Amino acid sequence: MTQQLLQKALDALEWADNGYKEGEPIQAAIQAAIAELRAAIDAPVEPVAQPSQAGEPCEWTLDDDESGTWASSCGELWSFIDGGPAENRVAYCHHCGKRAAINAKGADHG
């Protein structure tokens, strides 16, 4: 879908570029944007990382009840405005991709 959006933007810029005379300052900006969009369209698409199912889960423990901050065993901190990881349906760690295991002692406070 991103490629389609880039192509639509490129098509719009190419159409706009046709309305200006050679050498106008706006035309140089449009042509630079066209070149960047073409490069983005032609760039290889990197695969999206899939959550890791193997090994131990990433354990999440309530770090600070007042701020709603949770510490993960992979070393990251996560904050929730309302509720905790269970209430916000966290299934995987946002950092390491492992299945999130919510520490029961912290879950009562979220």
Protein backbone atom coordinates (compact mmCIF):
# COMPACT_ATOMS: atom_id res chain seq x y z
CA MET A 1 0.00 0.00 0.00
CA THR A 2 2.86 2.40 0.70
CA GLN A 3 4.11 1.92 -2.85
CA GLN A 4 0.65 2.85 -4.16
CA LEU A 5 0.58 6.04 -2.08
CA LEU A 6 4.05 6.99 -3.27
CA GLN A 7 3.00 6.40 -6.85
CA LYS A 8 -0.09 8.61 -6.42
CA ALA A 9 2.08 11.39 -4.98
CA LEU A 10 4.52 10.99 -7.87
CA ASP A 11 1.69 11.16 -10.42
CA ALA A 12 0.35 14.35 -8.80
CA LEU A 13 3.78 16.00 -8.79
CA GLU A 14 4.43 15.05 -12.41
CA TRP A 15 1.07 16.55 -13.36
CA ALA A 16 1.90 19.75 -11.42
CA ASP A 17 5.34 19.90 -13.02
CA ASN A 18 3.76 20.16 -16.48
CA GLY A 19 2.17 23.48 -15.55
CA TYR A 20 5.46 25.36 -15.04
CA LYS A 21 7.99 26.74 -17.47
CA GLU A 22 11.55 25.44 -17.49
CA GLY A 23 13.72 27.27 -14.97
CA GLU A 24 10.99 28.48 -12.60
CA PRO A 25 12.07 28.00 -8.95
CA ILE A 26 8.98 25.95 -8.10
CA GLN A 27 9.78 23.59 -10.94
CA ALA A 28 13.19 22.76 -9.45
CA ALA A 29 11.52 21.90 -6.12
CA ILE A 30 8.91 19.75 -7.83
CA GLN A 31 11.55 17.92 -9.86
CA ALA A 32 13.60 17.26 -6.71
CA ALA A 33 10.52 15.82 -5.00
CA ILE A 34 9.81 13.68 -8.07
CA ALA A 35 13.35 12.29 -7.95
CA GLU A 36 13.01 11.45 -4.24
CA LEU A 37 9.67 9.74 -4.78
CA ARG A 38 11.05 7.70 -7.69
CA ALA A 39 13.95 6.58 -5.48
CA ALA A 40 11.56 5.62 -2.69
CA ILE A 41 9.34 3.65 -5.08
CA ASP A 42 12.35 1.80 -6.52
CA ALA A 43 13.92 1.07 -3.13
CA PRO A 44 13.63 -2.52 -1.91
CA VAL A 45 10.94 -3.06 0.70
CA GLU A 46 12.32 -4.41 3.96
CA PRO A 47 10.32 -7.29 5.46
CA VAL A 48 8.42 -6.60 8.65
CA ALA A 49 9.84 -8.45 11.65
CA GLN A 50 7.56 -11.16 12.96
CA PRO A 51 7.10 -11.71 16.70
CA SER A 52 9.38 -14.39 18.11
CA GLN A 53 7.54 -17.39 19.50
CA ALA A 54 10.66 -19.31 20.51
CA GLY A 55 12.27 -19.40 23.91
CA GLU A 56 11.28 -17.71 27.13
CA PRO A 57 8.58 -15.03 27.08
CA CYS A 58 9.39 -11.42 27.90
CA GLU A 59 8.24 -10.78 31.45
CA TRP A 60 6.55 -7.47 32.19
CA THR A 61 6.52 -6.19 35.78
CA LEU A 62 4.94 -3.04 37.17
CA ASP A 63 7.82 -0.61 37.73
CA ASP A 64 5.96 2.49 38.90
CA ASP A 65 2.29 2.28 39.88
CA GLU A 66 1.85 6.06 39.92
CA SER A 67 3.00 6.61 36.34
CA GLY A 68 1.73 3.27 35.00
CA THR A 69 5.23 2.27 33.87
CA TRP A 70 6.06 -1.38 33.27
CA ALA A 71 9.56 -2.86 32.93
CA SER A 72 10.16 -5.66 30.45
CA SER A 73 12.77 -8.37 30.95
CA CYS A 74 14.40 -7.28 27.67
CA GLY A 75 15.24 -3.94 29.30
CA GLU A 76 12.57 -1.56 28.03
CA LEU A 77 10.06 0.56 29.95
CA TRP A 78 6.46 0.96 28.77
CA SER A 79 3.87 3.42 30.10
CA PHE A 80 0.11 3.22 29.82
CA ILE A 81 -2.24 6.17 30.25
CA ASP A 82 -5.15 3.96 31.28
CA GLY A 83 -4.80 0.44 32.70
CA GLY A 84 -1.83 -1.84 32.22
CA PRO A 85 -0.68 -4.35 29.62
CA ALA A 86 -3.61 -6.72 30.24
CA GLU A 87 -6.23 -3.98 29.85
CA ASN A 88 -4.47 -2.74 26.71
CA ARG A 89 -4.31 -6.28 25.25
CA VAL A 90 -0.53 -6.51 25.06
CA ALA A 91 0.27 -9.94 23.61
CA TYR A 92 3.85 -9.34 22.44
CA CYS A 93 6.67 -7.16 23.69
CA HIS A 94 6.97 -4.06 21.53
CA HIS A 95 10.78 -4.24 21.72
CA CYS A 96 11.93 -7.86 21.45
CA GLY A 97 8.83 -9.39 19.83
CA LYS A 98 8.53 -12.25 22.32
CA ARG A 99 5.20 -13.16 23.86
CA ALA A 100 4.59 -10.86 26.84
CA ALA A 101 4.16 -12.56 30.22
CA ILE A 102 2.49 -10.17 32.64
CA ASN A 103 3.88 -10.53 36.19
CA ALA A 104 0.90 -11.28 38.45
CA LYS A 105 2.12 -9.07 41.30
CA GLY A 106 2.13 -6.05 38.96
CA ALA A 107 -1.11 -6.90 37.16
CA ASP A 108 -3.26 -6.08 40.19
CA HIS A 109 -1.97 -2.50 40.20
CA GLY A 110 -2.43 -1.66 36.45
